[in-house]
Amino acid sequence: NGGTALFSHIMQELAKEQNEWKNNTVLTLLSRLTA
């Protein structure tokens, strides 16, 4: 997505890939990547 993305876009892309991660899972992974 050009190096930036909103949470909603990330969730949309995951849904397209049939990935059903919960919001909290994705938020945890994003905070780990930030750390």
PDB file of all heavy atoms in Angstrom:
ATOM      1  N   ASN A   1       0.824  -1.206   0.000  1.00  0.00           N
ATOM      2  CA  ASN A   1       0.000   0.000   0.000  1.00  0.00           C
ATOM      3  C   ASN A   1       0.868   1.270   0.000  1.00  0.00           C
ATOM      4  O   ASN A   1       0.427   2.324   0.436  1.00  0.00           O
ATOM      5  CB  ASN A   1      -0.940  -0.020   1.214  1.00  0.00           C
ATOM      6  CG  ASN A   1      -2.074   0.955   1.087  1.00  0.00           C
ATOM      7  OD1 ASN A   1      -2.775   0.975   0.091  1.00  0.00           O
ATOM      8  ND2 ASN A   1      -2.252   1.782   2.109  1.00  0.00           N
ATOM      9  N   GLY A   2       2.087   1.176  -0.448  1.00  0.00           N
ATOM     10  CA  GLY A   2       2.947   2.341  -0.534  1.00  0.00           C
ATOM     11  C   GLY A   2       3.665   2.689   0.761  1.00  0.00           C
ATOM     12  O   GLY A   2       4.205   3.782   0.901  1.00  0.00           O
ATOM     13  N   GLY A   3       3.657   1.790   1.718  1.00  0.00           N
ATOM     14  CA  GLY A   3       4.387   2.006   2.963  1.00  0.00           C
ATOM     15  C   GLY A   3       3.564   2.583   4.100  1.00  0.00           C
ATOM     16  O   GLY A   3       4.095   2.806   5.184  1.00  0.00           O
ATOM     17  N   THR A   4       2.274   2.808   3.870  1.00  0.00           N
ATOM     18  CA  THR A   4       1.393   3.290   4.938  1.00  0.00           C
ATOM     19  C   THR A   4       0.037   2.608   4.819  1.00  0.00           C
ATOM     20  O   THR A   4      -0.389   2.248   3.716  1.00  0.00           O
ATOM     21  CB  THR A   4       1.161   4.819   4.874  1.00  0.00           C
ATOM     22  OG1 THR A   4       0.444   5.131   3.692  1.00  0.00           O
ATOM     23  CG2 THR A   4       2.451   5.592   4.923  1.00  0.00           C
ATOM     24  N   ALA A   5      -0.627   2.447   5.955  1.00  0.00           N
ATOM     25  CA  ALA A   5      -1.967   1.863   5.922  1.00  0.00           C
ATOM     26  C   ALA A   5      -2.695   2.153   7.228  1.00  0.00           C
ATOM     27  O   ALA A   5      -2.091   2.176   8.296  1.00  0.00           O
ATOM     28  CB  ALA A   5      -1.903   0.355   5.695  1.00  0.00           C
ATOM     29  N   LEU A   6      -3.980   2.362   7.105  1.00  0.00           N
ATOM     30  CA  LEU A   6      -4.846   2.471   8.271  1.00  0.00           C
ATOM     31  C   LEU A   6      -5.241   1.064   8.709  1.00  0.00           C
ATOM     32  O   LEU A   6      -5.231   0.121   7.906  1.00  0.00           O
ATOM     33  CB  LEU A   6      -6.104   3.279   7.948  1.00  0.00           C
ATOM     34  CG  LEU A   6      -5.895   4.744   7.580  1.00  0.00           C
ATOM     35  CD1 LEU A   6      -7.202   5.357   7.093  1.00  0.00           C
ATOM     36  CD2 LEU A   6      -5.358   5.515   8.780  1.00  0.00           C
ATOM     37  N   PHE A   7      -5.612   0.927   9.965  1.00  0.00           N
ATOM     38  CA  PHE A   7      -6.032  -0.361  10.500  1.00  0.00           C
ATOM     39  C   PHE A   7      -7.155  -0.959   9.647  1.00  0.00           C
ATOM     40  O   PHE A   7      -7.138  -2.154   9.330  1.00  0.00           O
ATOM     41  CB  PHE A   7      -6.478  -0.198  11.962  1.00  0.00           C
ATOM     42  CG  PHE A   7      -6.931  -1.461  12.594  1.00  0.00           C
ATOM     43  CD1 PHE A   7      -6.016  -2.404  13.033  1.00  0.00           C
ATOM     44  CD2 PHE A   7      -8.283  -1.731  12.755  1.00  0.00           C
ATOM     45  CE1 PHE A   7      -6.432  -3.589  13.617  1.00  0.00           C
ATOM     46  CE2 PHE A   7      -8.706  -2.914  13.332  1.00  0.00           C
ATOM     47  CZ  PHE A   7      -7.785  -3.831  13.767  1.00  0.00           C
ATOM     48  N   SER A   8      -8.131  -0.133   9.254  1.00  0.00           N
ATOM     49  CA  SER A   8      -9.267  -0.635   8.471  1.00  0.00           C
ATOM     50  C   SER A   8      -8.807  -1.220   7.140  1.00  0.00           C
ATOM     51  O   SER A   8      -9.324  -2.254   6.698  1.00  0.00           O
ATOM     52  CB  SER A   8     -10.288   0.474   8.231  1.00  0.00           C
ATOM     53  OG  SER A   8      -9.683   1.570   7.559  1.00  0.00           O
ATOM     54  N   HIS A   9      -7.825  -0.600   6.500  1.00  0.00           N
ATOM     55  CA  HIS A   9      -7.302  -1.132   5.239  1.00  0.00           C
ATOM     56  C   HIS A   9      -6.621  -2.482   5.464  1.00  0.00           C
ATOM     57  O   HIS A   9      -6.807  -3.415   4.672  1.00  0.00           O
ATOM     58  CB  HIS A   9      -6.309  -0.144   4.614  1.00  0.00           C
ATOM     59  CG  HIS A   9      -5.660  -0.674   3.378  1.00  0.00           C
ATOM     60  ND1 HIS A   9      -6.302  -0.705   2.164  1.00  0.00           N
ATOM     61  CD2 HIS A   9      -4.437  -1.232   3.174  1.00  0.00           C
ATOM     62  CE1 HIS A   9      -5.501  -1.256   1.256  1.00  0.00           C
ATOM     63  NE2 HIS A   9      -4.364  -1.583   1.846  1.00  0.00           N
ATOM     64  N   ILE A  10      -5.851  -2.578   6.534  1.00  0.00           N
ATOM     65  CA  ILE A  10      -5.171  -3.840   6.849  1.00  0.00           C
ATOM     66  C   ILE A  10      -6.199  -4.944   7.050  1.00  0.00           C
ATOM     67  O   ILE A  10      -6.050  -6.049   6.504  1.00  0.00           O
ATOM     68  CB  ILE A  10      -4.275  -3.670   8.103  1.00  0.00           C
ATOM     69  CG1 ILE A  10      -3.114  -2.711   7.779  1.00  0.00           C
ATOM     70  CG2 ILE A  10      -3.752  -5.025   8.586  1.00  0.00           C
ATOM     71  CD1 ILE A  10      -2.338  -2.239   8.993  1.00  0.00           C
ATOM     72  N   MET A  11      -7.268  -4.647   7.782  1.00  0.00           N
ATOM     73  CA  MET A  11      -8.305  -5.651   8.027  1.00  0.00           C
ATOM     74  C   MET A  11      -9.007  -6.057   6.728  1.00  0.00           C
ATOM     75  O   MET A  11      -9.315  -7.233   6.523  1.00  0.00           O
ATOM     76  CB  MET A  11      -9.310  -5.136   9.063  1.00  0.00           C
ATOM     77  CG  MET A  11      -8.723  -4.944  10.453  1.00  0.00           C
ATOM     78  SD  MET A  11      -7.898  -6.407  11.144  1.00  0.00           S
ATOM     79  CE  MET A  11      -9.293  -7.495  11.446  1.00  0.00           C
ATOM     80  N   GLN A  12      -9.239  -5.089   5.834  1.00  0.00           N
ATOM     81  CA  GLN A  12      -9.861  -5.394   4.539  1.00  0.00           C
ATOM     82  C   GLN A  12      -8.976  -6.329   3.715  1.00  0.00           C
ATOM     83  O   GLN A  12      -9.465  -7.280   3.101  1.00  0.00           O
ATOM     84  CB  GLN A  12     -10.121  -4.114   3.749  1.00  0.00           C
ATOM     85  CG  GLN A  12     -11.234  -3.265   4.291  1.00  0.00           C
ATOM     86  CD  GLN A  12     -11.298  -1.897   3.618  1.00  0.00           C
ATOM     87  OE1 GLN A  12     -10.441  -1.528   2.821  1.00  0.00           O
ATOM     88  NE2 GLN A  12     -12.326  -1.131   3.962  1.00  0.00           N
ATOM     89  N   GLU A  13      -7.688  -6.047   3.708  1.00  0.00           N
ATOM     90  CA  GLU A  13      -6.760  -6.882   2.947  1.00  0.00           C
ATOM     91  C   GLU A  13      -6.671  -8.290   3.530  1.00  0.00           C
ATOM     92  O   GLU A  13      -6.593  -9.267   2.792  1.00  0.00           O
ATOM     93  CB  GLU A  13      -5.373  -6.235   2.882  1.00  0.00           C
ATOM     94  CG  GLU A  13      -5.322  -4.978   2.054  1.00  0.00           C
ATOM     95  CD  GLU A  13      -5.735  -5.203   0.606  1.00  0.00           C
ATOM     96  OE1 GLU A  13      -5.183  -6.116  -0.037  1.00  0.00           O
ATOM     97  OE2 GLU A  13      -6.615  -4.455   0.119  1.00  0.00           O
ATOM     98  N   LEU A  14      -6.684  -8.382   4.853  1.00  0.00           N
ATOM     99  CA  LEU A  14      -6.667  -9.708   5.491  1.00  0.00           C
ATOM    100  C   LEU A  14      -7.923 -10.493   5.129  1.00  0.00           C
ATOM    101  O   LEU A  14      -7.853 -11.696   4.856  1.00  0.00           O
ATOM    102  CB  LEU A  14      -6.538  -9.568   7.013  1.00  0.00           C
ATOM    103  CG  LEU A  14      -5.175  -9.109   7.524  1.00  0.00           C
ATOM    104  CD1 LEU A  14      -5.250  -8.792   9.013  1.00  0.00           C
ATOM    105  CD2 LEU A  14      -4.097 -10.141   7.249  1.00  0.00           C
ATOM    106  N   ALA A  15      -9.054  -9.815   5.099  1.00  0.00           N
ATOM    107  CA  ALA A  15     -10.319 -10.480   4.748  1.00  0.00           C
ATOM    108  C   ALA A  15     -10.274 -10.980   3.304  1.00  0.00           C
ATOM    109  O   ALA A  15     -10.769 -12.080   3.014  1.00  0.00           O
ATOM    110  CB  ALA A  15     -11.485  -9.526   4.950  1.00  0.00           C
ATOM    111  N   LYS A  16      -9.667 -10.203   2.398  1.00  0.00           N
ATOM    112  CA  LYS A  16      -9.538 -10.631   0.997  1.00  0.00           C
ATOM    113  C   LYS A  16      -8.729 -11.922   0.892  1.00  0.00           C
ATOM    114  O   LYS A  16      -8.955 -12.728   0.001  1.00  0.00           O
ATOM    115  CB  LYS A  16      -8.839  -9.553   0.164  1.00  0.00           C
ATOM    116  CG  LYS A  16      -9.693  -8.380  -0.185  1.00  0.00           C
ATOM    117  CD  LYS A  16      -8.878  -7.418  -1.048  1.00  0.00           C
ATOM    118  CE  LYS A  16      -9.568  -6.095  -1.210  1.00  0.00           C
ATOM    119  NZ  LYS A  16      -8.716  -5.120  -1.932  1.00  0.00           N
ATOM    120  N   GLU A  17      -7.772 -12.077   1.792  1.00  0.00           N
ATOM    121  CA  GLU A  17      -6.914 -13.261   1.793  1.00  0.00           C
ATOM    122  C   GLU A  17      -7.504 -14.395   2.618  1.00  0.00           C
ATOM    123  O   GLU A  17      -6.816 -15.366   2.936  1.00  0.00           O
ATOM    124  CB  GLU A  17      -5.525 -12.886   2.339  1.00  0.00           C
ATOM    125  CG  GLU A  17      -4.800 -11.875   1.492  1.00  0.00           C
ATOM    126  CD  GLU A  17      -3.527 -11.359   2.157  1.00  0.00           C
ATOM    127  OE1 GLU A  17      -3.078 -11.944   3.168  1.00  0.00           O
ATOM    128  OE2 GLU A  17      -2.981 -10.368   1.660  1.00  0.00           O
ATOM    129  N   GLN A  18      -8.774 -14.260   2.994  1.00  0.00           N
ATOM    130  CA  GLN A  18      -9.464 -15.275   3.799  1.00  0.00           C
ATOM    131  C   GLN A  18      -8.819 -15.449   5.166  1.00  0.00           C
ATOM    132  O   GLN A  18      -8.868 -16.525   5.762  1.00  0.00           O
ATOM    133  CB  GLN A  18      -9.505 -16.628   3.064  1.00  0.00           C
ATOM    134  CG  GLN A  18     -10.078 -16.575   1.664  1.00  0.00           C
ATOM    135  CD  GLN A  18     -11.522 -16.128   1.628  1.00  0.00           C
ATOM    136  OE1 GLN A  18     -12.337 -16.594   2.408  1.00  0.00           O
ATOM    137  NE2 GLN A  18     -11.849 -15.213   0.744  1.00  0.00           N
ATOM    138  N   ASN A  19      -8.176 -14.404   5.655  1.00  0.00           N
ATOM    139  CA  ASN A  19      -7.548 -14.446   6.969  1.00  0.00           C
ATOM    140  C   ASN A  19      -8.534 -13.856   7.965  1.00  0.00           C
ATOM    141  O   ASN A  19      -8.938 -12.706   7.828  1.00  0.00           O
ATOM    142  CB  ASN A  19      -6.247 -13.641   6.945  1.00  0.00           C
ATOM    143  CG  ASN A  19      -5.451 -13.817   8.202  1.00  0.00           C
ATOM    144  OD1 ASN A  19      -6.002 -13.840   9.282  1.00  0.00           O
ATOM    145  ND2 ASN A  19      -4.150 -13.938   8.059  1.00  0.00           N
ATOM    146  N   GLU A  20      -8.894 -14.619   8.955  1.00  0.00           N
ATOM    147  CA  GLU A  20      -9.928 -14.200   9.902  1.00  0.00           C
ATOM    148  C   GLU A  20      -9.362 -13.849  11.270  1.00  0.00           C
ATOM    149  O   GLU A  20      -9.970 -14.161  12.301  1.00  0.00           O
ATOM    150  CB  GLU A  20     -10.994 -15.299  10.011  1.00  0.00           C
ATOM    151  CG  GLU A  20     -11.688 -15.542   8.690  1.00  0.00           C
ATOM    152  CD  GLU A  20     -12.748 -16.624   8.767  1.00  0.00           C
ATOM    153  OE1 GLU A  20     -13.096 -17.066   9.877  1.00  0.00           O
ATOM    154  OE2 GLU A  20     -13.232 -17.023   7.696  1.00  0.00           O
ATOM    155  N   TRP A  21      -8.227 -13.178  11.301  1.00  0.00           N
ATOM    156  CA  TRP A  21      -7.679 -12.753  12.573  1.00  0.00           C
ATOM    157  C   TRP A  21      -8.617 -11.753  13.231  1.00  0.00           C
ATOM    158  O   TRP A  21      -9.224 -10.925  12.563  1.00  0.00           O
ATOM    159  CB  TRP A  21      -6.320 -12.091  12.404  1.00  0.00           C
ATOM    160  CG  TRP A  21      -5.208 -13.012  12.021  1.00  0.00           C
ATOM    161  CD1 TRP A  21      -5.170 -14.371  12.163  1.00  0.00           C
ATOM    162  CD2 TRP A  21      -3.966 -12.650  11.432  1.00  0.00           C
ATOM    163  NE1 TRP A  21      -3.974 -14.861  11.705  1.00  0.00           N
ATOM    164  CE2 TRP A  21      -3.221 -13.824  11.252  1.00  0.00           C
ATOM    165  CE3 TRP A  21      -3.416 -11.447  11.039  1.00  0.00           C
ATOM    166  CZ2 TRP A  21      -1.952 -13.831  10.704  1.00  0.00           C
ATOM    167  CZ3 TRP A  21      -2.145 -11.437  10.487  1.00  0.00           C
ATOM    168  CH2 TRP A  21      -1.419 -12.625  10.325  1.00  0.00           C
ATOM    169  N   LYS A  22      -8.698 -11.817  14.524  1.00  0.00           N
ATOM    170  CA  LYS A  22      -9.503 -10.872  15.303  1.00  0.00           C
ATOM    171  C   LYS A  22      -8.772  -9.537  15.384  1.00  0.00           C
ATOM    172  O   LYS A  22      -7.543  -9.466  15.263  1.00  0.00           O
ATOM    173  CB  LYS A  22      -9.762 -11.412  16.713  1.00  0.00           C
ATOM    174  CG  LYS A  22     -10.429 -12.779  16.749  1.00  0.00           C
ATOM    175  CD  LYS A  22     -11.865 -12.667  16.332  1.00  0.00           C
ATOM    176  CE  LYS A  22     -12.541 -14.027  16.465  1.00  0.00           C
ATOM    177  NZ  LYS A  22     -13.526 -14.272  15.471  1.00  0.00           N
ATOM    178  N   ASN A  23      -9.518  -8.466  15.631  1.00  0.00           N
ATOM    179  CA  ASN A  23      -8.934  -7.124  15.753  1.00  0.00           C
ATOM    180  C   ASN A  23      -7.801  -7.087  16.769  1.00  0.00           C
ATOM    181  O   ASN A  23      -6.755  -6.492  16.504  1.00  0.00           O
ATOM    182  CB  ASN A  23     -10.002  -6.117  16.163  1.00  0.00           C
ATOM    183  CG  ASN A  23     -10.965  -5.798  15.043  1.00  0.00           C
ATOM    184  OD1 ASN A  23     -10.853  -6.306  13.932  1.00  0.00           O
ATOM    185  ND2 ASN A  23     -11.930  -4.949  15.331  1.00  0.00           N
ATOM    186  N   ASN A  24      -8.011  -7.699  17.925  1.00  0.00           N
ATOM    187  CA  ASN A  24      -6.988  -7.669  18.979  1.00  0.00           C
ATOM    188  C   ASN A  24      -5.699  -8.361  18.548  1.00  0.00           C
ATOM    189  O   ASN A  24      -4.607  -7.925  18.920  1.00  0.00           O
ATOM    190  CB  ASN A  24      -7.507  -8.283  20.277  1.00  0.00           C
ATOM    191  CG  ASN A  24      -8.471  -7.363  20.992  1.00  0.00           C
ATOM    192  OD1 ASN A  24      -8.518  -6.156  20.723  1.00  0.00           O
ATOM    193  ND2 ASN A  24      -9.249  -7.917  21.910  1.00  0.00           N
ATOM    194  N   THR A  25      -5.821  -9.429  17.783  1.00  0.00           N
ATOM    195  CA  THR A  25      -4.632 -10.134  17.282  1.00  0.00           C
ATOM    196  C   THR A  25      -3.828  -9.211  16.380  1.00  0.00           C
ATOM    197  O   THR A  25      -2.608  -9.089  16.518  1.00  0.00           O
ATOM    198  CB  THR A  25      -5.038 -11.410  16.516  1.00  0.00           C
ATOM    199  OG1 THR A  25      -5.781 -12.258  17.382  1.00  0.00           O
ATOM    200  CG2 THR A  25      -3.830 -12.146  15.964  1.00  0.00           C
ATOM    201  N   VAL A  26      -4.511  -8.550  15.462  1.00  0.00           N
ATOM    202  CA  VAL A  26      -3.839  -7.653  14.524  1.00  0.00           C
ATOM    203  C   VAL A  26      -3.221  -6.476  15.271  1.00  0.00           C
ATOM    204  O   VAL A  26      -2.074  -6.094  15.008  1.00  0.00           O
ATOM    205  CB  VAL A  26      -4.815  -7.175  13.425  1.00  0.00           C
ATOM    206  CG1 VAL A  26      -4.153  -6.154  12.513  1.00  0.00           C
ATOM    207  CG2 VAL A  26      -5.322  -8.365  12.617  1.00  0.00           C
ATOM    208  N   LEU A  27      -3.947  -5.911  16.222  1.00  0.00           N
ATOM    209  CA  LEU A  27      -3.405  -4.799  17.012  1.00  0.00           C
ATOM    210  C   LEU A  27      -2.161  -5.217  17.788  1.00  0.00           C
ATOM    211  O   LEU A  27      -1.194  -4.457  17.881  1.00  0.00           O
ATOM    212  CB  LEU A  27      -4.474  -4.250  17.960  1.00  0.00           C
ATOM    213  CG  LEU A  27      -5.595  -3.459  17.285  1.00  0.00           C
ATOM    214  CD1 LEU A  27      -6.741  -3.190  18.269  1.00  0.00           C
ATOM    215  CD2 LEU A  27      -5.074  -2.165  16.681  1.00  0.00           C
ATOM    216  N   THR A  28      -2.172  -6.428  18.322  1.00  0.00           N
ATOM    217  CA  THR A  28      -1.002  -6.943  19.043  1.00  0.00           C
ATOM    218  C   THR A  28       0.191  -7.073  18.105  1.00  0.00           C
ATOM    219  O   THR A  28       1.306  -6.664  18.434  1.00  0.00           O
ATOM    220  CB  THR A  28      -1.314  -8.310  19.692  1.00  0.00           C
ATOM    221  OG1 THR A  28      -2.364  -8.118  20.651  1.00  0.00           O
ATOM    222  CG2 THR A  28      -0.098  -8.906  20.368  1.00  0.00           C
ATOM    223  N   LEU A  29      -0.039  -7.634  16.923  1.00  0.00           N
ATOM    224  CA  LEU A  29       1.044  -7.789  15.945  1.00  0.00           C
ATOM    225  C   LEU A  29       1.585  -6.430  15.495  1.00  0.00           C
ATOM    226  O   LEU A  29       2.794  -6.243  15.374  1.00  0.00           O
ATOM    227  CB  LEU A  29       0.560  -8.601  14.739  1.00  0.00           C
ATOM    228  CG  LEU A  29       0.235 -10.070  15.013  1.00  0.00           C
ATOM    229  CD1 LEU A  29      -0.468 -10.694  13.809  1.00  0.00           C
ATOM    230  CD2 LEU A  29       1.477 -10.843  15.379  1.00  0.00           C
ATOM    231  N   LEU A  30       0.702  -5.467  15.288  1.00  0.00           N
ATOM    232  CA  LEU A  30       1.128  -4.129  14.887  1.00  0.00           C
ATOM    233  C   LEU A  30       1.941  -3.455  15.990  1.00  0.00           C
ATOM    234  O   LEU A  30       2.942  -2.794  15.714  1.00  0.00           O
ATOM    235  CB  LEU A  30      -0.089  -3.268  14.524  1.00  0.00           C
ATOM    236  CG  LEU A  30      -0.800  -3.657  13.225  1.00  0.00           C
ATOM    237  CD1 LEU A  30      -2.133  -2.927  13.113  1.00  0.00           C
ATOM    238  CD2 LEU A  30       0.072  -3.388  11.999  1.00  0.00           C
ATOM    239  N   SER A  31       1.535  -3.650  17.244  1.00  0.00           N
ATOM    240  CA  SER A  31       2.305  -3.044  18.341  1.00  0.00           C
ATOM    241  C   SER A  31       3.663  -3.723  18.490  1.00  0.00           C
ATOM    242  O   SER A  31       4.657  -3.062  18.807  1.00  0.00           O
ATOM    243  CB  SER A  31       1.519  -3.066  19.653  1.00  0.00           C
ATOM    244  OG  SER A  31       1.304  -4.370  20.094  1.00  0.00           O
ATOM    245  N   ARG A  32       3.756  -5.016  18.207  1.00  0.00           N
ATOM    246  CA  ARG A  32       5.055  -5.699  18.237  1.00  0.00           C
ATOM    247  C   ARG A  32       5.970  -5.159  17.144  1.00  0.00           C
ATOM    248  O   ARG A  32       7.165  -4.947  17.358  1.00  0.00           O
ATOM    249  CB  ARG A  32       4.879  -7.206  18.051  1.00  0.00           C
ATOM    250  CG  ARG A  32       4.326  -7.909  19.263  1.00  0.00           C
ATOM    251  CD  ARG A  32       4.212  -9.386  18.993  1.00  0.00           C
ATOM    252  NE  ARG A  32       3.493 -10.055  20.071  1.00  0.00           N
ATOM    253  CZ  ARG A  32       3.004 -11.271  20.002  1.00  0.00           C
ATOM    254  NH1 ARG A  32       3.163 -11.989  18.891  1.00  0.00           N
ATOM    255  NH2 ARG A  32       2.372 -11.804  21.022  1.00  0.00           N
ATOM    256  N   LEU A  33       5.408  -4.957  15.960  1.00  0.00           N
ATOM    257  CA  LEU A  33       6.192  -4.409  14.855  1.00  0.00           C
ATOM    258  C   LEU A  33       6.670  -2.989  15.168  1.00  0.00           C
ATOM    259  O   LEU A  33       7.774  -2.610  14.804  1.00  0.00           O
ATOM    260  CB  LEU A  33       5.373  -4.429  13.558  1.00  0.00           C
ATOM    261  CG  LEU A  33       5.193  -5.806  12.935  1.00  0.00           C
ATOM    262  CD1 LEU A  33       4.075  -5.802  11.899  1.00  0.00           C
ATOM    263  CD2 LEU A  33       6.497  -6.290  12.314  1.00  0.00           C
ATOM    264  N   THR A  34       5.847  -2.237  15.871  1.00  0.00           N
ATOM    265  CA  THR A  34       6.232  -0.891  16.294  1.00  0.00           C
ATOM    266  C   THR A  34       7.361  -0.966  17.320  1.00  0.00           C
ATOM    267  O   THR A  34       8.345  -0.228  17.225  1.00  0.00           O
ATOM    268  CB  THR A  34       5.018  -0.134  16.863  1.00  0.00           C
ATOM    269  OG1 THR A  34       3.992  -0.084  15.859  1.00  0.00           O
ATOM    270  CG2 THR A  34       5.381   1.275  17.279  1.00  0.00           C
ATOM    271  N   ALA A  35       7.244  -1.891  18.263  1.00  0.00           N
ATOM    272  CA  ALA A  35       8.282  -2.055  19.290  1.00  0.00           C
ATOM    273  C   ALA A  35       9.611  -2.509  18.680  1.00  0.00           C
ATOM    274  O   ALA A  35      10.680  -2.159  19.182  1.00  0.00           O
ATOM    275  CB  ALA A  35       7.824  -3.058  20.346  1.00  0.00           C
TER     276      ALA A  35
END
